[in-house]
């Protein structure tokens, strides 16, 4: 999950003297185990989390952003033709487990295009770094490369209409929930 998105979501709590934040990273399964054991209050993810009787998660949609293709600025000023230019332009993609990637693969299949995959990256922070170094384009939600877009290190080459990254907050059912978490969820309409 994008660090920029996480910081934005946590911003109402940052800098408060009465709050101690403990942030942990891990695989979704590792984090859900900790959530079930009440070692965590919330797990932020961009993956859909299945709910069942053994794992009564409460899943809140806390954000959504349309995907875009970004790349380094080009001197050629040639307009990127999506999806056709993906036949010869290398692309950096989220890993195959990503819902964004799944939707992208379906879109390419429907268009009859086999993109030139330069890299597949599971971690959004690493995807951001690879996008900066790539000679092609990268499929990302803009929040992932927000700083690079603002500085001009990367530019939007094409919008990918209909492909969206969805962000979720997952909590476990508790008799007494964390009031700060409730504040964050209410701020997002959850």
Protein backbone atom coordinates (compact mmCIF):
# COMPACT_ATOMS: atom_id res chain seq x y z
CA UNK A 1 0.00 0.00 0.00
CA UNK A 2 1.34 3.43 -0.90
CA UNK A 3 3.20 5.12 1.94
CA UNK A 4 1.82 8.46 0.71
CA UNK A 5 -1.72 7.14 1.09
CA UNK A 6 -1.00 5.75 4.56
CA UNK A 7 0.48 9.03 5.79
CA UNK A 8 -2.46 10.95 4.37
CA UNK A 9 -4.92 8.67 6.15
CA UNK A 10 -3.04 8.89 9.46
CA UNK A 11 -2.42 12.66 9.22
CA UNK A 12 -5.18 13.61 11.73
CA UNK A 13 -3.23 11.69 14.41
CA UNK A 14 0.30 12.72 13.49
CA UNK A 15 1.89 15.25 15.81
CA UNK A 16 -0.63 14.73 18.60
CA UNK A 17 1.05 14.57 22.02
CA UNK A 18 -1.64 12.27 23.39
CA UNK A 19 -1.20 9.59 20.70
CA UNK A 20 1.51 6.99 20.22
CA UNK A 21 1.37 5.37 16.80
CA UNK A 22 2.95 1.98 16.19
CA UNK A 23 3.13 1.16 12.48
CA UNK A 24 3.96 -2.33 11.24
CA UNK A 25 4.53 -3.72 7.78
CA UNK A 26 4.06 -7.28 6.65
CA UNK A 27 2.11 -9.52 4.35
CA UNK A 28 -1.64 -9.22 4.51
CA UNK A 29 -1.91 -12.67 6.11
CA UNK A 30 0.68 -11.80 8.79
CA UNK A 31 -1.11 -8.56 9.61
CA UNK A 32 -4.53 -10.22 9.75
CA UNK A 33 -3.18 -12.80 12.24
CA UNK A 34 -2.01 -9.91 14.44
CA UNK A 35 -5.36 -8.17 13.99
CA UNK A 36 -7.23 -11.32 15.03
CA UNK A 37 -5.04 -11.52 18.15
CA UNK A 38 -5.88 -7.85 18.87
CA UNK A 39 -2.20 -6.90 18.56
CA UNK A 40 -3.24 -4.34 15.93
CA UNK A 41 -6.21 -2.00 15.75
CA UNK A 42 -6.38 -1.75 11.97
CA UNK A 43 -4.81 -3.12 8.80
CA UNK A 44 -4.61 -0.86 5.74
CA UNK A 45 -4.62 -2.72 2.44
CA UNK A 46 -5.39 -2.40 -1.24
CA UNK A 47 -6.49 -6.04 -1.43
CA UNK A 48 -9.99 -7.30 -0.91
CA UNK A 49 -10.25 -9.23 2.36
CA UNK A 50 -12.63 -12.19 2.44
CA UNK A 51 -14.99 -12.34 5.39
CA UNK A 52 -16.19 -15.58 6.93
CA UNK A 53 -17.40 -16.94 10.27
CA UNK A 54 -13.84 -17.64 11.49
CA UNK A 55 -12.60 -14.19 10.56
CA UNK A 56 -15.38 -11.66 11.14
CA UNK A 57 -13.48 -8.70 9.74
CA UNK A 58 -15.05 -5.31 9.39
CA UNK A 59 -13.87 -3.92 6.05
CA UNK A 60 -14.17 -0.20 5.32
CA UNK A 61 -13.51 1.35 1.93
CA UNK A 62 -11.39 4.40 2.77
CA UNK A 63 -10.31 5.55 -0.66
CA UNK A 64 -10.19 4.91 -4.36
CA UNK A 65 -8.04 6.32 -7.11
CA UNK A 66 -8.05 5.85 -10.86
CA UNK A 67 -4.86 4.30 -12.22
CA UNK A 68 -2.54 6.14 -14.54
CA UNK A 69 0.49 5.35 -16.66
CA UNK A 70 3.50 7.41 -15.65
CA UNK A 71 6.95 7.68 -17.15
CA UNK A 72 9.98 9.89 -17.28
CA UNK A 73 9.54 13.12 -19.24
CA UNK A 74 10.15 12.64 -22.96
CA UNK A 75 11.80 15.11 -25.31
CA UNK A 76 9.86 13.65 -28.24
CA UNK A 77 6.56 15.13 -26.98
CA UNK A 78 4.80 12.23 -28.68
CA UNK A 79 1.35 11.59 -27.22
CA UNK A 80 1.09 8.13 -25.66
CA UNK A 81 -1.64 6.08 -27.36
CA UNK A 82 -3.16 3.81 -24.75
CA UNK A 83 -3.41 0.85 -25.07
CA UNK A 84 -1.75 0.51 -28.51
CA UNK A 85 1.67 1.86 -27.49
CA UNK A 86 1.98 -0.91 -24.90
CA UNK A 87 2.88 -3.27 -27.76
CA UNK A 88 6.34 -1.65 -27.94
CA UNK A 89 6.71 0.35 -24.70
CA UNK A 90 7.97 -1.60 -21.66
CA UNK A 91 5.65 -1.40 -18.65
CA UNK A 92 6.22 -1.82 -14.92
CA UNK A 93 3.21 -3.42 -13.26
CA UNK A 94 1.95 -4.20 -9.77
CA UNK A 95 2.35 -7.88 -8.88
CA UNK A 96 -0.16 -10.49 -10.04
CA UNK A 97 -1.92 -10.56 -6.65
CA UNK A 98 -2.96 -6.91 -6.99
CA UNK A 99 -6.57 -6.19 -7.91
CA UNK A 100 -5.29 -3.35 -10.10
CA UNK A 101 -3.09 -5.82 -11.98
CA UNK A 102 -5.94 -8.27 -12.40
CA UNK A 103 -8.11 -5.55 -13.95
CA UNK A 104 -5.23 -4.40 -16.18
CA UNK A 105 -4.63 -7.95 -17.45
CA UNK A 106 -8.32 -8.30 -18.30
CA UNK A 107 -8.29 -4.97 -20.14
CA UNK A 108 -5.23 -5.99 -22.18
CA UNK A 109 -6.79 -9.35 -23.03
CA UNK A 110 -9.98 -7.65 -24.22
CA UNK A 111 -7.91 -5.26 -26.37
CA UNK A 112 -5.88 -8.15 -27.81
CA UNK A 113 -2.60 -6.63 -26.59
CA UNK A 114 0.34 -8.48 -25.06
CA UNK A 115 2.23 -5.73 -23.22
CA UNK A 116 6.02 -5.76 -22.88
CA UNK A 117 6.37 -6.34 -19.14
CA UNK A 118 9.63 -4.84 -17.86
CA UNK A 119 8.98 -5.65 -14.19
CA UNK A 120 6.32 -6.85 -11.76
CA UNK A 121 6.58 -5.32 -8.30
CA UNK A 122 4.53 -6.32 -5.24
CA UNK A 123 5.59 -3.43 -3.01
CA UNK A 124 4.31 0.06 -3.87
CA UNK A 125 7.41 1.80 -2.50
CA UNK A 126 9.60 -0.35 -4.73
CA UNK A 127 7.22 0.13 -7.67
CA UNK A 128 7.70 3.88 -7.24
CA UNK A 129 11.49 3.51 -7.36
CA UNK A 130 11.41 1.20 -10.38
CA UNK A 131 9.04 3.62 -12.16
CA UNK A 132 11.58 6.42 -11.69
CA UNK A 133 14.35 4.33 -13.26
CA UNK A 134 12.35 2.68 -16.04
CA UNK A 135 12.63 3.73 -19.67
CA UNK A 136 9.01 2.75 -20.20
CA UNK A 137 5.83 3.43 -18.27
CA UNK A 138 4.44 2.23 -14.94
CA UNK A 139 0.85 1.51 -13.93
CA UNK A 140 0.15 3.19 -10.58
CA UNK A 141 -2.42 5.20 -8.70
CA UNK A 142 -1.09 8.80 -8.74
CA UNK A 143 -0.81 8.87 -4.92
CA UNK A 144 2.08 6.38 -5.18
CA UNK A 145 4.20 8.80 -7.22
CA UNK A 146 2.73 12.07 -5.92
CA UNK A 147 6.11 13.63 -5.08
CA UNK A 148 7.66 12.61 -8.42
CA UNK A 149 4.71 14.07 -10.36
CA UNK A 150 4.96 17.35 -8.42
CA UNK A 151 8.72 17.59 -9.07
CA UNK A 152 8.42 16.58 -12.72
CA UNK A 153 10.63 13.50 -12.29
CA UNK A 154 7.69 11.53 -13.67
CA UNK A 155 4.81 12.69 -15.85
CA UNK A 156 1.42 11.24 -16.58
CA UNK A 157 1.59 9.54 -19.97
CA UNK A 158 -2.00 8.24 -20.06
CA UNK A 159 -5.06 7.87 -17.86
CA UNK A 160 -6.40 4.36 -17.68
CA UNK A 161 -10.12 5.00 -17.44
CA UNK A 162 -12.00 2.38 -15.49
CA UNK A 163 -9.00 0.90 -13.64
CA UNK A 164 -9.11 1.87 -10.00
CA UNK A 165 -7.10 1.04 -6.92
CA UNK A 166 -9.30 0.72 -3.85
CA UNK A 167 -7.95 1.22 -0.34
CA UNK A 168 -9.44 -0.54 2.69
CA UNK A 169 -9.18 -0.36 6.47
CA UNK A 170 -9.77 -3.74 8.10
CA UNK A 171 -10.67 -4.05 11.76
CA UNK A 172 -11.63 -6.94 14.00
CA UNK A 173 -14.90 -6.95 15.87
CA UNK A 174 -14.30 -5.70 19.41
CA UNK A 175 -16.53 -4.97 22.33
CA UNK A 176 -14.63 -1.73 23.00
CA UNK A 177 -13.13 -0.25 19.85
CA UNK A 178 -10.35 2.31 19.69
CA UNK A 179 -11.99 5.77 19.66
CA UNK A 180 -9.16 7.25 17.57
CA UNK A 181 -9.73 4.60 14.93
CA UNK A 182 -13.41 5.44 14.93
CA UNK A 183 -12.47 9.08 14.30
CA UNK A 184 -10.32 8.13 11.28
CA UNK A 185 -13.02 5.89 9.84
CA UNK A 186 -15.71 8.52 10.29
CA UNK A 187 -13.51 11.08 8.53
CA UNK A 188 -13.65 8.81 5.48
CA UNK A 189 -17.38 8.24 5.68
CA UNK A 190 -16.88 4.70 7.07
